[in-house]
C-alpha cells in the first residue's frame, strides 16, 4: 500500500491553495457566497479526477492496441442532490473519440478495462454513486 498527500493552505476569504504533486491549484468559492472566483470549486474537481483518471487509462490502452486517434475528450456530468450536504448521486462519463475508421470494439474494450479494472477513481466512486458511460465517435 502507498499513501498520497495533498496540502491545502488557506489564503484569504474562501480561497485555498492546494499543492498537488508539486503543482499549485487555487480553490475558491463563487462571488455570491464569500469567494472571489479565483479558482474551481472542490466538487467539480471530483468530476475532473474521474475524467483524467479514465482518460489516461483509455489513451494508454488504445496506444498498446495500436489505435490511432485524431482527437479524444472525456466529459463527465454529475448530478447533485438538492439537500445538504449536496453531493453527487450520479455521474455520466462521455468518451468522445475522433478519427477515421476507428474500431468500435477496441474503443469499448479500452473503456471497459478502465472502468472495471484500472481507474481507481471510478472504483471508489462506484461504491457510493451510480456511474454510467457512453461512447461517441466523430469520423474525420
C-alpha atoms as a PDB file:
ATOM      1  CA  UNK A   1       0.000   0.000   0.000  1.00  0.00           C
ATOM      2  CA  UNK A   2       1.102   3.525  -0.682  1.00  0.00           C
ATOM      3  CA  UNK A   3      -0.027   6.837   0.688  1.00  0.00           C
ATOM      4  CA  UNK A   4      -0.583  10.108  -1.129  1.00  0.00           C
ATOM      5  CA  UNK A   5      -0.965  13.531   0.402  1.00  0.00           C
ATOM      6  CA  UNK A   6      -2.329  16.884  -0.661  1.00  0.00           C
ATOM      7  CA  UNK A   7      -1.713  20.011   1.386  1.00  0.00           C
ATOM      8  CA  UNK A   8      -4.236  22.859   1.231  1.00  0.00           C
ATOM      9  CA  UNK A   9      -3.335  26.267   2.680  1.00  0.00           C
ATOM     10  CA  UNK A  10      -5.904  28.955   3.396  1.00  0.00           C
ATOM     11  CA  UNK A  11      -5.109  32.153   1.501  1.00  0.00           C
ATOM     12  CA  UNK A  12      -7.941  34.522   2.457  1.00  0.00           C
ATOM     13  CA  UNK A  13     -11.726  34.684   2.480  1.00  0.00           C
ATOM     14  CA  UNK A  14     -12.822  31.378   0.845  1.00  0.00           C
ATOM     15  CA  UNK A  15      -9.630  30.836  -1.189  1.00  0.00           C
ATOM     16  CA  UNK A  16      -7.240  27.951  -0.601  1.00  0.00           C
ATOM     17  CA  UNK A  17      -4.108  26.903  -2.436  1.00  0.00           C
ATOM     18  CA  UNK A  18      -3.541  23.194  -2.913  1.00  0.00           C
ATOM     19  CA  UNK A  19      -0.170  21.630  -3.582  1.00  0.00           C
ATOM     20  CA  UNK A  20      -0.830  18.564  -5.727  1.00  0.00           C
ATOM     21  CA  UNK A  21       2.277  16.690  -6.878  1.00  0.00           C
ATOM     22  CA  UNK A  22       4.197  19.947  -6.787  1.00  0.00           C
ATOM     23  CA  UNK A  23       1.563  21.801  -8.825  1.00  0.00           C
ATOM     24  CA  UNK A  24      -0.399  24.661  -7.310  1.00  0.00           C
ATOM     25  CA  UNK A  25      -4.178  24.871  -7.675  1.00  0.00           C
ATOM     26  CA  UNK A  26      -6.220  27.705  -6.197  1.00  0.00           C
ATOM     27  CA  UNK A  27      -9.684  26.716  -4.994  1.00  0.00           C
ATOM     28  CA  UNK A  28     -12.287  29.353  -4.304  1.00  0.00           C
ATOM     29  CA  UNK A  29     -15.998  29.891  -3.893  1.00  0.00           C
ATOM     30  CA  UNK A  30     -18.235  31.949  -6.155  1.00  0.00           C
ATOM     31  CA  UNK A  31     -18.613  35.691  -5.640  1.00  0.00           C
ATOM     32  CA  UNK A  32     -22.104  35.329  -4.191  1.00  0.00           C
ATOM     33  CA  UNK A  33     -21.026  33.101  -1.289  1.00  0.00           C
ATOM     34  CA  UNK A  34     -17.998  34.954   0.028  1.00  0.00           C
ATOM     35  CA  UNK A  35     -15.423  33.946  -2.564  1.00  0.00           C
ATOM     36  CA  UNK A  36     -13.764  35.825  -5.379  1.00  0.00           C
ATOM     37  CA  UNK A  37     -13.979  33.077  -8.043  1.00  0.00           C
ATOM     38  CA  UNK A  38     -10.184  32.764  -8.126  1.00  0.00           C
ATOM     39  CA  UNK A  39     -10.299  29.047  -8.909  1.00  0.00           C
ATOM     40  CA  UNK A  40     -12.503  25.988  -9.261  1.00  0.00           C
ATOM     41  CA  UNK A  41     -14.805  24.669  -6.558  1.00  0.00           C
ATOM     42  CA  UNK A  42     -13.972  21.322  -4.912  1.00  0.00           C
ATOM     43  CA  UNK A  43     -16.915  19.272  -6.235  1.00  0.00           C
ATOM     44  CA  UNK A  44     -16.184  19.874  -9.952  1.00  0.00           C
ATOM     45  CA  UNK A  45     -12.640  18.675  -9.241  1.00  0.00           C
ATOM     46  CA  UNK A  46     -14.203  15.315  -8.341  1.00  0.00           C
ATOM     47  CA  UNK A  47     -15.510  15.196 -11.919  1.00  0.00           C
ATOM     48  CA  UNK A  48     -12.079  16.251 -13.161  1.00  0.00           C
ATOM     49  CA  UNK A  49     -10.402  13.445 -11.218  1.00  0.00           C
ATOM     50  CA  UNK A  50     -12.660  10.857 -12.818  1.00  0.00           C
ATOM     51  CA  UNK A  51     -12.226  12.296 -16.328  1.00  0.00           C
ATOM     52  CA  UNK A  52      -8.454  12.452 -16.018  1.00  0.00           C
ATOM     53  CA  UNK A  53      -8.099   9.005 -14.472  1.00  0.00           C
ATOM     54  CA  UNK A  54     -10.192   7.150 -17.015  1.00  0.00           C
ATOM     55  CA  UNK A  55      -8.936   9.275 -19.906  1.00  0.00           C
ATOM     56  CA  UNK A  56      -5.311   8.424 -19.167  1.00  0.00           C
ATOM     57  CA  UNK A  57      -6.213   4.740 -18.933  1.00  0.00           C
ATOM     58  CA  UNK A  58      -8.070   4.738 -22.243  1.00  0.00           C
ATOM     59  CA  UNK A  59      -5.276   6.548 -24.107  1.00  0.00           C
ATOM     60  CA  UNK A  60      -2.673   4.152 -22.698  1.00  0.00           C
ATOM     61  CA  UNK A  61      -4.721   1.052 -23.542  1.00  0.00           C
ATOM     62  CA  UNK A  62      -5.504   2.237 -27.076  1.00  0.00           C
ATOM     63  CA  UNK A  63      -1.842   3.039 -27.663  1.00  0.00           C
ATOM     64  CA  UNK A  64      -0.989  -0.584 -26.773  1.00  0.00           C
ATOM     65  CA  UNK A  65      -3.754  -1.725 -29.163  1.00  0.00           C
ATOM     66  CA  UNK A  66      -2.178   0.478 -31.868  1.00  0.00           C
ATOM     67  CA  UNK A  67      -5.330   2.539 -32.317  1.00  0.00           C
ATOM     68  CA  UNK A  68      -4.529   5.983 -33.707  1.00  0.00           C
ATOM     69  CA  UNK A  69      -6.814   8.805 -32.549  1.00  0.00           C
ATOM     70  CA  UNK A  70      -7.148  12.224 -34.137  1.00  0.00           C
ATOM     71  CA  UNK A  71      -8.840  13.533 -31.002  1.00  0.00           C
ATOM     72  CA  UNK A  72     -10.173  12.371 -27.676  1.00  0.00           C
ATOM     73  CA  UNK A  73     -12.199  14.092 -24.958  1.00  0.00           C
ATOM     74  CA  UNK A  74     -13.770  12.891 -21.761  1.00  0.00           C
ATOM     75  CA  UNK A  75     -16.812  14.766 -20.466  1.00  0.00           C
ATOM     76  CA  UNK A  76     -18.155  13.938 -17.004  1.00  0.00           C
ATOM     77  CA  UNK A  77     -21.601  15.130 -15.952  1.00  0.00           C
ATOM     78  CA  UNK A  78     -22.555  14.942 -12.301  1.00  0.00           C
ATOM     79  CA  UNK A  79     -25.995  15.164 -10.715  1.00  0.00           C
ATOM     80  CA  UNK A  80     -26.120  16.739  -7.254  1.00  0.00           C
ATOM     81  CA  UNK A  81     -28.709  16.223  -4.552  1.00  0.00           C
ATOM     82  CA  UNK A  82     -30.926  19.189  -3.679  1.00  0.00           C
ATOM     83  CA  UNK A  83     -30.459  18.756   0.072  1.00  0.00           C
ATOM     84  CA  UNK A  84     -27.383  19.474   2.185  1.00  0.00           C
ATOM     85  CA  UNK A  85     -24.836  18.095   2.229  1.00  0.00           C
ATOM     86  CA  UNK A  86     -25.086  18.480  -1.537  1.00  0.00           C
ATOM     87  CA  UNK A  87     -23.356  15.511  -3.066  1.00  0.00           C
ATOM     88  CA  UNK A  88     -23.148  13.657  -6.327  1.00  0.00           C
ATOM     89  CA  UNK A  89     -25.571  10.763  -6.600  1.00  0.00           C
ATOM     90  CA  UNK A  90     -24.868  10.046 -10.278  1.00  0.00           C
ATOM     91  CA  UNK A  91     -22.101  10.676 -12.802  1.00  0.00           C
ATOM     92  CA  UNK A  92     -22.132  10.003 -16.538  1.00  0.00           C
ATOM     93  CA  UNK A  93     -18.847   9.678 -18.433  1.00  0.00           C
ATOM     94  CA  UNK A  94     -18.957  10.543 -22.129  1.00  0.00           C
ATOM     95  CA  UNK A  95     -15.974   9.311 -24.142  1.00  0.00           C
ATOM     96  CA  UNK A  96     -15.666  11.376 -27.341  1.00  0.00           C
ATOM     97  CA  UNK A  97     -13.337   9.844 -29.920  1.00  0.00           C
ATOM     98  CA  UNK A  98     -12.348  11.408 -33.246  1.00  0.00           C
ATOM     99  CA  UNK A  99     -10.656   9.562 -36.076  1.00  0.00           C
ATOM    100  CA  UNK A 100     -11.007   7.682 -39.323  1.00  0.00           C
ATOM    101  CA  UNK A 101     -12.401   4.140 -39.302  1.00  0.00           C
ATOM    102  CA  UNK A 102     -11.982   3.762 -35.539  1.00  0.00           C
ATOM    103  CA  UNK A 103     -12.573   0.167 -34.362  1.00  0.00           C
ATOM    104  CA  UNK A 104     -15.604   0.373 -32.047  1.00  0.00           C
ATOM    105  CA  UNK A 105     -14.816  -2.944 -30.366  1.00  0.00           C
ATOM    106  CA  UNK A 106     -11.349  -1.742 -29.347  1.00  0.00           C
ATOM    107  CA  UNK A 107     -12.730   1.560 -28.053  1.00  0.00           C
ATOM    108  CA  UNK A 108     -15.324  -0.340 -26.000  1.00  0.00           C
ATOM    109  CA  UNK A 109     -12.646  -2.711 -24.680  1.00  0.00           C
ATOM    110  CA  UNK A 110     -10.390   0.166 -23.614  1.00  0.00           C
ATOM    111  CA  UNK A 111     -13.265   1.953 -21.854  1.00  0.00           C
ATOM    112  CA  UNK A 112     -14.370  -1.265 -20.174  1.00  0.00           C
ATOM    113  CA  UNK A 113     -10.847  -2.059 -18.915  1.00  0.00           C
ATOM    114  CA  UNK A 114     -10.523   1.432 -17.465  1.00  0.00           C
ATOM    115  CA  UNK A 115     -13.939   1.344 -15.788  1.00  0.00           C
ATOM    116  CA  UNK A 116     -13.691  -2.193 -14.436  1.00  0.00           C
ATOM    117  CA  UNK A 117     -10.008  -2.715 -13.749  1.00  0.00           C
ATOM    118  CA  UNK A 118      -7.670   0.269 -13.830  1.00  0.00           C
ATOM    119  CA  UNK A 119      -9.274   3.573 -12.831  1.00  0.00           C
ATOM    120  CA  UNK A 120      -9.063   3.876  -9.060  1.00  0.00           C
ATOM    121  CA  UNK A 121     -11.240   6.975  -9.043  1.00  0.00           C
ATOM    122  CA  UNK A 122     -14.159   5.205 -10.717  1.00  0.00           C
ATOM    123  CA  UNK A 123     -13.654   2.160  -8.471  1.00  0.00           C
ATOM    124  CA  UNK A 124     -14.111   4.372  -5.412  1.00  0.00           C
ATOM    125  CA  UNK A 125     -16.993   6.404  -6.835  1.00  0.00           C
ATOM    126  CA  UNK A 126     -18.888   3.224  -7.832  1.00  0.00           C
ATOM    127  CA  UNK A 127     -19.102   2.322  -4.136  1.00  0.00           C
ATOM    128  CA  UNK A 128     -21.124   5.465  -3.428  1.00  0.00           C
ATOM    129  CA  UNK A 129     -22.889   6.634  -6.582  1.00  0.00           C
ATOM    130  CA  UNK A 130     -24.336   5.473  -9.888  1.00  0.00           C
ATOM    131  CA  UNK A 131     -21.771   5.629 -12.698  1.00  0.00           C
ATOM    132  CA  UNK A 132     -22.802   5.375 -16.344  1.00  0.00           C
ATOM    133  CA  UNK A 133     -20.898   5.930 -19.567  1.00  0.00           C
ATOM    134  CA  UNK A 134     -21.311   6.301 -23.294  1.00  0.00           C
ATOM    135  CA  UNK A 135     -19.060   6.375 -26.337  1.00  0.00           C
ATOM    136  CA  UNK A 136     -19.365   8.915 -29.145  1.00  0.00           C
ATOM    137  CA  UNK A 137     -17.336   8.724 -32.346  1.00  0.00           C
ATOM    138  CA  UNK A 138     -16.728  11.564 -34.798  1.00  0.00           C
ATOM    139  CA  UNK A 139     -15.426  10.492 -38.203  1.00  0.00           C
ATOM    140  CA  UNK A 140     -12.718  12.796 -39.553  1.00  0.00           C
END
